Amino acid sequence: MLRIAASGDWTIAHLSAADGELRSLTAGPVKAGRAVIDFSGIARFDTSSAAVLERTARLLEEKGLRVEFEGVSEPQRRLLDKIDTYGTPDTSKAPPAPFYIELVERIGVTTREIGEEARGMLGFIGTVVSAIGRTAANPRRFRLVPFVHHMEKSGFDALPLVCLLTFLIGAVVAQQGAVQLRQFGAEVFTVNLIAIIFLREVGLLLTAIIVAGRSGSAFTAEIGSMKMREEIDAMRALGLDPMEMLVIPRVAALTVTLPLLTFIADLMGLLGGGVVVFFMLDMSPGVYMSRVQEAVDFWTIAVGLIKAPFMAAVIALVGCRAGLSVTGSAESVGAMTTRSVVRSIFLVIILDALFAMFFTAVGI
């Protein structure tokens, strides 16, 4: 026989511990044919306690036990009868907060997350700068072989994709520009449009977005996989600095290769525009080149190339930090890889906008 003796105050303020014990009792197997719930020791009793004991009795009956109540007073009997008649009261739910309260809460949570992420990124940049300083003080610490390897992976291997996309985008910009400018009899300025747009903005932005999606995600996946397999912990145990071993070669390689990729992307964009201009406007390559030389000066080319190293550093730092933030699961690797690509592209566009405002302010 199973005997449950209730004693003391059985009110909603004192019910938490007893409710947990009763739930544990009814959750597992019960080896008995009869159960007795003794009410004689209860000093104070309310509706919530009646609902808990009625629920316990019902669950025991579902397990095949015959349940009896002992020592039940008349007021306790009336509460039990009410619960038995109307059922266990539903759990009360707090009314939903007004929309403006939820909106303010979401804005606050997002702002806090952005602040924490910015603080973490600044700390990571400081760590990387410190590691770069140690490497500059002792150049033998710089890992040349990984540097060349990552230059090949992030630069040379990305060249076909960059060339194809920038060629096609240059052709599209030229075609659309020629169609629109023809309405004003100014289709000859299509060359100026292609040259200025590609050399100042589109060539660099398109290349940076391709590199962020290709190389930035690769950095996160590679470092994240090493973090998941505890290889980075093994490096630290051997006295090796993961910043010098993993981060600095990648940052340096991308900082060197992105300006080179941008220069080639500019040439391919001009080439794509030249092909379209040749067929749509019947402009010879010689005339096209002379028009490009008239439209372009030193700063038109330099603006895009100046921005490229900064964007490369942002892409590499975001990708490496995301890889080092991976936890211990493959799901975390995928989530951080996606996050690094989104953040890299977002920061690249923000950085390009800041540079555009700066160069406009200084008259370049």
Protein backbone atom coordinates (compact mmCIF):
# COMPACT_ATOMS: atom_id res chain seq x y z
CA MET A 1 0.00 0.00 0.00
CA LEU A 2 1.16 3.53 -0.81
CA ARG A 3 0.43 6.09 1.91
CA ILE A 4 0.77 9.85 1.37
CA ALA A 5 0.59 11.85 4.61
CA ALA A 6 0.03 15.57 4.12
CA SER A 7 0.86 17.90 6.99
CA GLY A 8 1.37 21.58 7.71
CA ASP A 9 0.14 24.45 5.57
CA TRP A 10 -1.07 23.36 2.14
CA THR A 11 -1.55 26.73 0.52
CA ILE A 12 -0.33 28.19 -2.73
CA ALA A 13 2.55 29.93 -0.94
CA HIS A 14 3.91 26.63 0.47
CA LEU A 15 2.96 24.25 -2.33
CA SER A 16 6.00 24.29 -4.61
CA ALA A 17 8.11 21.63 -2.87
CA ALA A 18 5.19 19.26 -2.22
CA ASP A 19 3.97 19.63 -5.80
CA GLY A 20 7.41 18.68 -7.14
CA GLU A 21 7.56 15.57 -4.94
CA LEU A 22 4.07 14.48 -5.99
CA ARG A 23 4.92 14.96 -9.67
CA SER A 24 8.04 12.83 -9.24
CA LEU A 25 5.99 10.16 -7.46
CA THR A 26 3.35 9.93 -10.18
CA ALA A 27 5.84 10.16 -13.06
CA GLY A 28 7.50 6.82 -12.33
CA PRO A 29 6.13 3.30 -11.86
CA VAL A 30 4.22 2.69 -8.62
CA LYS A 31 4.25 -0.87 -7.26
CA ALA A 32 1.11 -0.94 -5.12
CA GLY A 33 -2.54 -1.82 -5.45
CA ARG A 34 -3.96 0.77 -3.07
CA ALA A 35 -3.08 4.35 -2.17
CA VAL A 36 -4.19 6.36 0.83
CA ILE A 37 -3.91 10.16 1.04
CA ASP A 38 -4.09 11.29 4.67
CA PHE A 39 -5.44 14.81 5.28
CA SER A 40 -5.40 14.69 9.08
CA GLY A 41 -2.12 16.62 9.47
CA ILE A 42 -3.12 19.56 7.25
CA ALA A 43 -3.43 22.86 9.10
CA ARG A 44 -4.41 25.18 6.24
CA PHE A 45 -5.89 24.12 2.93
CA ASP A 46 -6.88 26.05 -0.23
CA THR A 47 -8.11 25.45 -3.77
CA SER A 48 -4.62 25.10 -5.30
CA SER A 49 -3.78 22.32 -2.82
CA ALA A 50 -7.08 20.60 -3.54
CA ALA A 51 -6.27 20.71 -7.30
CA VAL A 52 -2.80 19.22 -6.70
CA LEU A 53 -4.07 16.35 -4.52
CA GLU A 54 -6.99 15.68 -6.88
CA ARG A 55 -4.54 15.53 -9.80
CA THR A 56 -2.30 13.15 -7.84
CA ALA A 57 -5.24 10.87 -7.10
CA ARG A 58 -6.30 10.86 -10.74
CA LEU A 59 -2.79 9.99 -11.96
CA LEU A 60 -2.51 7.16 -9.42
CA GLU A 61 -5.86 5.77 -10.55
CA GLU A 62 -4.63 5.85 -14.15
CA LYS A 63 -1.74 3.63 -13.01
CA GLY A 64 -4.27 1.10 -11.65
CA LEU A 65 -4.27 2.02 -7.95
CA ARG A 66 -7.40 2.34 -5.79
CA VAL A 67 -7.16 5.74 -4.11
CA GLU A 68 -8.78 6.63 -0.78
CA PHE A 69 -8.87 9.87 1.22
CA GLU A 70 -8.53 9.77 5.03
CA GLY A 71 -8.97 12.45 7.68
CA VAL A 72 -10.79 14.81 5.33
CA SER A 73 -12.65 17.65 7.07
CA GLU A 74 -15.92 19.03 5.77
CA PRO A 75 -14.38 22.24 4.28
CA GLN A 76 -11.67 20.14 2.62
CA ARG A 77 -14.34 17.78 1.28
CA ARG A 78 -16.24 20.70 -0.26
CA LEU A 79 -13.10 21.97 -2.03
CA LEU A 80 -12.31 18.50 -3.35
CA ASP A 81 -15.89 18.13 -4.60
CA LYS A 82 -15.69 21.47 -6.38
CA ILE A 83 -12.45 20.46 -8.09
CA ASP A 84 -13.94 17.10 -9.03
CA THR A 85 -17.05 18.81 -10.44
CA TYR A 86 -15.44 21.65 -12.39
CA GLY A 87 -12.04 20.13 -13.07
CA THR A 88 -8.58 21.44 -12.31
CA PRO A 89 -8.44 25.22 -12.90
CA ASP A 90 -6.42 26.31 -15.89
CA THR A 91 -3.08 27.96 -15.29
CA SER A 92 -3.51 31.71 -15.43
CA LYS A 93 -1.54 33.44 -18.16
CA ALA A 94 -0.26 36.94 -17.98
CA PRO A 95 -1.88 39.23 -20.57
CA PRO A 96 0.38 39.99 -23.53
CA ALA A 97 2.31 43.20 -23.32
CA PRO A 98 1.26 46.05 -25.62
CA PHE A 99 2.92 46.19 -28.99
CA TYR A 100 4.92 49.32 -28.22
CA ILE A 101 6.34 47.67 -25.10
CA GLU A 102 7.46 44.63 -27.13
CA LEU A 103 8.92 46.92 -29.79
CA VAL A 104 10.93 48.88 -27.23
CA GLU A 105 12.09 45.62 -25.64
CA ARG A 106 13.28 44.24 -28.98
CA ILE A 107 15.08 47.48 -29.78
CA GLY A 108 16.78 47.36 -26.39
CA VAL A 109 17.83 43.71 -26.78
CA THR A 110 19.16 44.36 -30.28
CA THR A 111 21.04 47.44 -29.14
CA ARG A 112 22.61 45.52 -26.28
CA GLU A 113 23.65 42.69 -28.62
CA ILE A 114 25.17 45.17 -31.07
CA GLY A 115 27.08 46.83 -28.23
CA GLU A 116 28.38 43.50 -26.94
CA GLU A 117 29.40 42.46 -30.44
CA ALA A 118 31.17 45.78 -31.05
CA ARG A 119 33.02 45.47 -27.75
CA GLY A 120 34.05 41.90 -28.54
CA MET A 121 35.20 42.90 -32.03
CA LEU A 122 37.27 45.78 -30.66
CA GLY A 123 38.89 43.43 -28.14
CA PHE A 124 39.67 40.96 -30.91
CA ILE A 125 41.17 43.71 -33.10
CA GLY A 126 43.34 44.77 -30.16
CA THR A 127 44.57 41.20 -29.71
CA VAL A 128 45.38 40.93 -33.42
CA VAL A 129 47.21 44.28 -33.43
CA SER A 130 49.24 43.14 -30.42
CA ALA A 131 50.15 39.92 -32.24
CA ILE A 132 51.10 41.91 -35.36
CA GLY A 133 53.36 44.08 -33.20
CA ARG A 134 55.13 41.02 -31.80
CA THR A 135 55.54 39.64 -35.30
CA ALA A 136 56.90 42.95 -36.61
CA ALA A 137 59.40 43.05 -33.74
CA ASN A 138 60.52 39.52 -34.59
CA PRO A 139 59.89 38.87 -38.33
CA ARG A 140 60.96 35.24 -38.00
CA ARG A 141 57.67 34.59 -36.22
CA PHE A 142 55.76 35.38 -39.43
CA ARG A 143 54.55 32.19 -41.13
CA LEU A 144 55.43 32.69 -44.78
CA VAL A 145 54.18 29.35 -46.12
CA PRO A 146 50.60 29.77 -44.78
CA PHE A 147 50.67 33.37 -46.02
CA VAL A 148 51.44 32.26 -49.58
CA HIS A 149 48.94 29.40 -49.30
CA HIS A 150 46.10 31.73 -48.29
CA MET A 151 47.08 34.20 -50.99
CA GLU A 152 46.59 31.42 -53.51
CA LYS A 153 43.28 30.25 -51.98
CA SER A 154 41.73 33.68 -51.49
CA GLY A 155 43.29 35.39 -54.52
CA PHE A 156 44.34 33.22 -57.42
CA ASP A 157 41.56 30.64 -56.97
CA ALA A 158 38.94 33.42 -56.83
CA LEU A 159 40.21 35.07 -60.01
CA PRO A 160 37.98 33.21 -62.55
CA LEU A 161 34.80 33.99 -60.63
CA VAL A 162 35.73 37.64 -60.11
CA CYS A 163 36.64 38.09 -63.78
CA LEU A 164 33.44 36.48 -65.05
CA LEU A 165 31.08 38.40 -62.77
CA THR A 166 32.72 41.78 -63.22
CA PHE A 167 32.82 41.32 -67.00
CA LEU A 168 29.09 40.56 -67.04
CA ILE A 169 28.21 43.39 -64.66
CA GLY A 170 30.27 45.81 -66.76
CA ALA A 171 28.38 44.69 -69.85
CA VAL A 172 25.01 45.12 -68.11
CA VAL A 173 25.88 48.60 -66.81
CA ALA A 174 27.01 49.64 -70.27
CA GLN A 175 23.88 48.29 -71.94
CA GLN A 176 21.50 49.92 -69.49
CA GLY A 177 23.46 53.17 -69.50
CA ALA A 178 23.47 53.35 -73.29
CA VAL A 179 19.71 52.74 -73.46
CA GLN A 180 18.94 55.47 -70.92
CA LEU A 181 21.44 58.04 -72.21
CA ARG A 182 20.26 57.54 -75.81
CA GLN A 183 16.99 59.23 -74.88
CA PHE A 184 18.95 62.43 -74.30
CA GLY A 185 21.35 62.00 -77.23
CA ALA A 186 24.22 61.51 -74.78
CA GLU A 187 25.05 57.85 -75.34
CA VAL A 188 28.69 58.79 -75.87
CA PHE A 189 28.89 59.41 -72.11
CA THR A 190 28.23 55.72 -71.50
CA VAL A 191 32.01 55.32 -71.39
CA ASN A 192 32.29 57.88 -68.60
CA LEU A 193 29.52 56.09 -66.71
CA ILE A 194 31.25 52.72 -66.93
CA ALA A 195 34.70 54.03 -66.06
CA ILE A 196 33.72 56.11 -63.03
CA ILE A 197 31.23 53.63 -61.57
CA PHE A 198 33.54 50.64 -61.90
CA LEU A 199 36.80 52.25 -60.87
CA ARG A 200 35.35 54.05 -57.84
CA GLU A 201 32.65 51.74 -56.51
CA VAL A 202 31.29 48.70 -58.34
CA GLY A 203 34.55 46.90 -59.08
CA LEU A 204 35.68 47.02 -55.45
CA LEU A 205 32.26 46.34 -53.91
CA LEU A 206 31.53 43.38 -56.14
CA THR A 207 34.97 41.90 -55.52
CA ALA A 208 34.70 42.42 -51.75
CA ILE A 209 31.28 40.75 -51.63
CA ILE A 210 32.57 37.78 -53.63
CA VAL A 211 35.60 37.47 -51.36
CA ALA A 212 33.44 37.79 -48.23
CA GLY A 213 31.17 34.99 -49.40
CA ARG A 214 34.03 32.81 -50.58
CA SER A 215 37.16 33.44 -48.54
CA GLY A 216 35.57 34.91 -45.39
CA SER A 217 33.31 31.89 -45.00
CA ALA A 218 36.27 29.59 -45.66
CA PHE A 219 38.25 31.25 -42.87
CA THR A 220 35.36 30.73 -40.44
CA ALA A 221 34.80 27.11 -41.46
CA GLU A 222 38.50 26.20 -41.27
CA ILE A 223 39.17 27.80 -37.89
CA GLY A 224 35.79 26.66 -36.56
CA SER A 225 36.52 23.06 -37.49
CA MET A 226 39.88 23.29 -35.73
CA LYS A 227 38.16 24.77 -32.67
CA MET A 228 35.56 21.98 -32.69
CA ARG A 229 38.30 19.30 -32.86
CA GLU A 230 40.20 21.06 -30.03
CA GLU A 231 43.22 21.65 -32.25
CA ILE A 232 43.43 25.28 -31.10
CA ASP A 233 43.58 24.13 -27.46
CA ALA A 234 46.36 21.77 -28.47
CA MET A 235 48.24 24.72 -30.01
CA ARG A 236 48.02 26.63 -26.77
CA ALA A 237 49.17 23.57 -24.84
CA LEU A 238 52.25 23.44 -27.08
CA GLY A 239 52.98 27.11 -26.43
CA LEU A 240 51.85 28.31 -29.88
CA ASP A 241 49.80 31.47 -30.32
CA PRO A 242 46.66 30.85 -32.46
CA MET A 243 46.73 34.51 -33.50
CA GLU A 244 50.18 34.14 -35.03
CA MET A 245 49.47 30.68 -36.41
CA LEU A 246 45.99 31.18 -37.86
CA VAL A 247 44.80 34.79 -37.90
CA ILE A 248 47.76 36.92 -39.00
CA PRO A 249 48.59 34.88 -42.17
CA ARG A 250 44.95 35.08 -43.28
CA VAL A 251 44.59 38.79 -42.58
CA ALA A 252 47.88 39.58 -44.33
CA ALA A 253 47.07 37.38 -47.33
CA LEU A 254 43.64 38.92 -47.89
CA THR A 255 44.97 42.46 -47.39
CA VAL A 256 47.44 41.87 -50.22
CA THR A 257 45.19 39.96 -52.60
CA LEU A 258 42.00 42.06 -52.48
CA PRO A 259 43.61 45.20 -54.04
CA LEU A 260 45.06 43.00 -56.79
CA LEU A 261 41.67 41.36 -57.38
CA THR A 262 40.05 44.81 -57.41
CA PHE A 263 42.46 46.05 -60.07
CA ILE A 264 41.76 43.04 -62.27
CA ALA A 265 38.00 43.40 -61.64
CA ASP A 266 38.18 47.02 -62.81
CA LEU A 267 39.89 45.95 -66.02
CA MET A 268 37.32 43.21 -66.66
CA GLY A 269 34.46 45.60 -66.00
CA LEU A 270 35.89 48.07 -68.50
CA LEU A 271 36.38 45.23 -70.96
CA GLY A 272 32.76 44.08 -70.59
CA GLY A 273 31.55 47.64 -71.07
CA GLY A 274 33.82 48.04 -74.10
CA VAL A 275 32.33 44.96 -75.78
CA VAL A 276 28.79 46.28 -75.35
CA VAL A 277 29.77 49.79 -76.50
CA PHE A 278 31.44 48.30 -79.59
CA PHE A 279 28.27 46.50 -80.67
CA MET A 280 25.61 48.96 -79.48
CA LEU A 281 27.29 52.29 -80.24
CA ASP A 282 29.67 51.13 -82.98
CA MET A 283 32.59 52.65 -81.06
CA SER A 284 36.01 51.31 -81.95
CA PRO A 285 38.37 50.06 -79.21
CA GLY A 286 40.76 52.95 -79.88
CA VAL A 287 38.05 55.56 -79.40
CA TYR A 288 36.78 53.70 -76.34
CA MET A 289 40.21 53.73 -74.73
CA SER A 290 40.71 57.42 -75.48
CA ARG A 291 37.31 58.20 -73.92
CA VAL A 292 38.25 56.18 -70.82
CA GLN A 293 41.52 58.12 -70.51
CA GLU A 294 39.62 61.41 -70.72
CA ALA A 295 37.08 60.35 -68.07
CA VAL A 296 39.55 58.86 -65.61
CA ASP A 297 42.25 60.54 -63.59
CA PHE A 298 44.63 59.24 -60.93
CA TRP A 299 42.21 59.57 -58.02
CA THR A 300 39.43 57.74 -59.85
CA ILE A 301 41.62 54.64 -59.83
CA ALA A 302 43.21 55.32 -56.45
CA VAL A 303 39.92 55.68 -54.56
CA GLY A 304 38.97 52.05 -55.15
CA LEU A 305 42.45 50.72 -54.46
CA ILE A 306 42.78 52.73 -51.22
CA LYS A 307 39.57 51.24 -49.84
CA ALA A 308 40.49 47.65 -50.74
CA PRO A 309 42.99 46.87 -47.92
CA PHE A 310 40.59 48.16 -45.25
CA MET A 311 37.75 46.03 -46.60
CA ALA A 312 40.07 43.02 -46.79
CA ALA A 313 41.08 43.46 -43.16
CA VAL A 314 37.43 43.70 -42.10
CA ILE A 315 36.48 40.54 -44.00
CA ALA A 316 39.43 38.56 -42.62
CA LEU A 317 38.96 39.75 -39.02
CA VAL A 318 35.24 39.01 -39.01
CA GLY A 319 35.78 35.56 -40.53
CA CYS A 320 38.58 34.62 -38.13
CA ARG A 321 36.73 35.88 -35.06
CA ALA A 322 33.62 33.94 -36.04
CA GLY A 323 35.74 30.79 -36.41
CA LEU A 324 37.27 31.27 -32.96
CA SER A 325 33.76 31.77 -31.51
CA VAL A 326 32.59 28.31 -32.61
CA THR A 327 31.50 26.05 -29.76
CA GLY A 328 31.67 22.27 -29.91
CA SER A 329 29.14 21.26 -32.57
CA ALA A 330 28.95 21.14 -36.34
CA GLU A 331 25.75 23.20 -36.14
CA SER A 332 27.75 25.99 -34.53
CA VAL A 333 30.22 25.94 -37.44
CA GLY A 334 27.40 26.42 -39.94
CA ALA A 335 25.73 29.17 -37.89
CA MET A 336 28.96 31.12 -37.39
CA THR A 337 29.88 30.75 -41.07
CA THR A 338 26.55 32.23 -42.13
CA ARG A 339 26.89 34.99 -39.54
CA SER A 340 30.40 35.89 -40.67
CA VAL A 341 29.33 36.28 -44.30
CA VAL A 342 26.35 38.47 -43.40
CA ARG A 343 28.40 40.66 -41.06
CA SER A 344 31.27 40.95 -43.52
CA ILE A 345 29.04 42.12 -46.35
CA PHE A 346 27.20 44.52 -44.03
CA LEU A 347 30.44 46.04 -42.71
CA VAL A 348 31.92 46.26 -46.21
CA ILE A 349 28.95 48.31 -47.42
CA ILE A 350 29.05 50.53 -44.32
CA LEU A 351 32.80 51.07 -44.79
CA ASP A 352 32.32 51.92 -48.46
CA ALA A 353 29.66 54.49 -47.55
CA LEU A 354 31.95 56.10 -44.97
CA PHE A 355 34.80 56.29 -47.48
CA ALA A 356 32.47 57.75 -50.11
CA MET A 357 31.41 60.52 -47.73
CA PHE A 358 35.02 61.18 -46.75
CA PHE A 359 36.29 61.43 -50.33
CA THR A 360 33.36 63.66 -51.24
CA ALA A 361 34.11 65.92 -48.27
CA VAL A 362 37.77 66.32 -49.28
CA GLY A 363 36.85 66.91 -52.92
CA ILE A 364 38.15 63.66 -54.45
